[in-house]
Amino acid sequence: MKSEQFTNKAGKVRHKFELTSEEYAEHAEEYGGFCIACGEAAFGVEPDARGYDCESCGESKVYGAEELLLRGFIVIAESKG
């Protein structure tokens, strides 16, 4: 998994994620997601989670993997194999 920082229109630093299809499937199966504020992985979140509190940074910016995919914050990369 790779994470890329960008600055949104409000001037906040946010993260986008690049995962292989295998990494994405693993996150989806394990109820995983990511915090778009700090880039940390989160587990135990619903696939359509929006705005859950992040255990790492405290911001309410944790989203489920499927929600992030729909919003364009996750890009599926080709597997290297």
C-alpha atoms as a PDB file:
ATOM      1  CA  MET A   1       0.000   0.000   0.000  1.00  0.00           C
ATOM      2  CA  LYS A   2       1.168   3.488  -0.855  1.00  0.00           C
ATOM      3  CA  SER A   3      -0.206   6.728   0.537  1.00  0.00           C
ATOM      4  CA  GLU A   4      -0.027  10.098  -1.185  1.00  0.00           C
ATOM      5  CA  GLN A   5      -0.623  13.429   0.530  1.00  0.00           C
ATOM      6  CA  PHE A   6      -2.471  16.304  -1.072  1.00  0.00           C
ATOM      7  CA  THR A   7      -4.006  19.573   0.085  1.00  0.00           C
ATOM      8  CA  ASN A   8      -7.759  19.959  -0.364  1.00  0.00           C
ATOM      9  CA  LYS A   9      -9.620  23.157  -1.243  1.00  0.00           C
ATOM     10  CA  ALA A  10      -9.956  24.042   2.457  1.00  0.00           C
ATOM     11  CA  GLY A  11      -6.164  23.879   2.861  1.00  0.00           C
ATOM     12  CA  LYS A  12      -6.200  20.616   4.861  1.00  0.00           C
ATOM     13  CA  VAL A  13      -3.658  17.879   4.184  1.00  0.00           C
ATOM     14  CA  ARG A  14      -5.395  14.647   3.190  1.00  0.00           C
ATOM     15  CA  HIS A  15      -4.280  11.219   2.000  1.00  0.00           C
ATOM     16  CA  LYS A  16      -5.121   9.024  -0.982  1.00  0.00           C
ATOM     17  CA  PHE A  17      -4.195   5.360  -1.054  1.00  0.00           C
ATOM     18  CA  GLU A  18      -2.952   2.967  -3.733  1.00  0.00           C
ATOM     19  CA  LEU A  19      -3.657  -0.697  -3.008  1.00  0.00           C
ATOM     20  CA  THR A  20      -3.398  -3.873  -5.014  1.00  0.00           C
ATOM     21  CA  SER A  21      -6.643  -5.774  -5.499  1.00  0.00           C
ATOM     22  CA  GLU A  22      -5.393  -8.292  -2.921  1.00  0.00           C
ATOM     23  CA  GLU A  23      -4.708  -5.558  -0.342  1.00  0.00           C
ATOM     24  CA  TYR A  24      -8.112  -4.023  -1.003  1.00  0.00           C
ATOM     25  CA  ALA A  25      -9.865  -7.399  -0.619  1.00  0.00           C
ATOM     26  CA  GLU A  26      -8.033  -8.013   2.656  1.00  0.00           C
ATOM     27  CA  HIS A  27      -9.085  -4.621   4.021  1.00  0.00           C
ATOM     28  CA  ALA A  28     -12.682  -5.146   2.934  1.00  0.00           C
ATOM     29  CA  GLU A  29     -12.826  -8.620   4.519  1.00  0.00           C
ATOM     30  CA  GLU A  30     -11.268  -7.429   7.791  1.00  0.00           C
ATOM     31  CA  TYR A  31     -13.573  -4.394   8.083  1.00  0.00           C
ATOM     32  CA  GLY A  32     -10.658  -2.104   7.384  1.00  0.00           C
ATOM     33  CA  GLY A  33     -10.471   1.491   6.350  1.00  0.00           C
ATOM     34  CA  PHE A  34      -8.155   4.465   6.507  1.00  0.00           C
ATOM     35  CA  CYS A  35      -7.923   7.891   8.082  1.00  0.00           C
ATOM     36  CA  ILE A  36      -7.710  10.448   5.296  1.00  0.00           C
ATOM     37  CA  ALA A  37      -6.261  13.000   7.755  1.00  0.00           C
ATOM     38  CA  CYS A  38      -3.150  11.090   8.919  1.00  0.00           C
ATOM     39  CA  GLY A  39      -3.009   8.092   6.546  1.00  0.00           C
ATOM     40  CA  GLU A  40      -3.207   5.392   9.226  1.00  0.00           C
ATOM     41  CA  ALA A  41      -5.047   2.131   8.644  1.00  0.00           C
ATOM     42  CA  ALA A  42      -8.059   1.425  10.841  1.00  0.00           C
ATOM     43  CA  PHE A  43      -9.847  -1.847  11.510  1.00  0.00           C
ATOM     44  CA  GLY A  44     -13.271  -2.664  12.890  1.00  0.00           C
ATOM     45  CA  VAL A  45     -15.067  -0.111  10.724  1.00  0.00           C
ATOM     46  CA  GLU A  46     -18.048  -0.796   8.518  1.00  0.00           C
ATOM     47  CA  PRO A  47     -17.413  -0.830   4.734  1.00  0.00           C
ATOM     48  CA  ASP A  48     -19.553   2.306   4.330  1.00  0.00           C
ATOM     49  CA  ALA A  49     -18.178   4.058   7.445  1.00  0.00           C
ATOM     50  CA  ARG A  50     -17.887   7.839   7.251  1.00  0.00           C
ATOM     51  CA  GLY A  51     -16.264  10.156   9.756  1.00  0.00           C
ATOM     52  CA  TYR A  52     -15.279   7.672  12.464  1.00  0.00           C
ATOM     53  CA  ASP A  53     -12.763   8.901  15.048  1.00  0.00           C
ATOM     54  CA  CYS A  54      -9.136   8.020  14.329  1.00  0.00           C
ATOM     55  CA  GLU A  55      -7.247   6.312  17.151  1.00  0.00           C
ATOM     56  CA  SER A  56      -3.962   7.808  15.898  1.00  0.00           C
ATOM     57  CA  CYS A  57      -4.721  11.486  15.266  1.00  0.00           C
ATOM     58  CA  GLY A  58      -8.146  11.956  16.875  1.00  0.00           C
ATOM     59  CA  GLU A  59      -9.795  13.485  13.814  1.00  0.00           C
ATOM     60  CA  SER A  60     -13.158  12.171  12.627  1.00  0.00           C
ATOM     61  CA  LYS A  61     -11.777  11.213   9.227  1.00  0.00           C
ATOM     62  CA  VAL A  62     -11.805   7.396   9.197  1.00  0.00           C
ATOM     63  CA  TYR A  63     -13.721   5.894   6.276  1.00  0.00           C
ATOM     64  CA  GLY A  64     -14.386   2.283   5.351  1.00  0.00           C
ATOM     65  CA  ALA A  65     -12.497   0.790   2.408  1.00  0.00           C
ATOM     66  CA  GLU A  66     -15.549   0.588   0.132  1.00  0.00           C
ATOM     67  CA  GLU A  67     -16.553   4.166   0.919  1.00  0.00           C
ATOM     68  CA  LEU A  68     -13.030   5.387   0.130  1.00  0.00           C
ATOM     69  CA  LEU A  69     -13.049   3.489  -3.166  1.00  0.00           C
ATOM     70  CA  LEU A  70     -16.341   5.109  -4.149  1.00  0.00           C
ATOM     71  CA  ARG A  71     -15.064   8.569  -3.178  1.00  0.00           C
ATOM     72  CA  GLY A  72     -11.842   8.160  -5.173  1.00  0.00           C
ATOM     73  CA  PHE A  73      -9.496   8.008  -2.170  1.00  0.00           C
ATOM     74  CA  ILE A  74      -8.444   4.445  -3.013  1.00  0.00           C
ATOM     75  CA  VAL A  75      -6.952   3.543  -6.379  1.00  0.00           C
ATOM     76  CA  ILE A  76      -6.490  -0.120  -7.281  1.00  0.00           C
ATOM     77  CA  ALA A  77      -3.006  -0.754  -8.689  1.00  0.00           C
ATOM     78  CA  GLU A  78      -1.916  -3.741 -10.710  1.00  0.00           C
ATOM     79  CA  SER A  79      -0.455  -6.599  -8.711  1.00  0.00           C
ATOM     80  CA  LYS A  80       3.291  -7.070  -8.957  1.00  0.00           C
ATOM     81  CA  GLY A  81       3.470 -10.763  -9.498  1.00  0.00           C
END
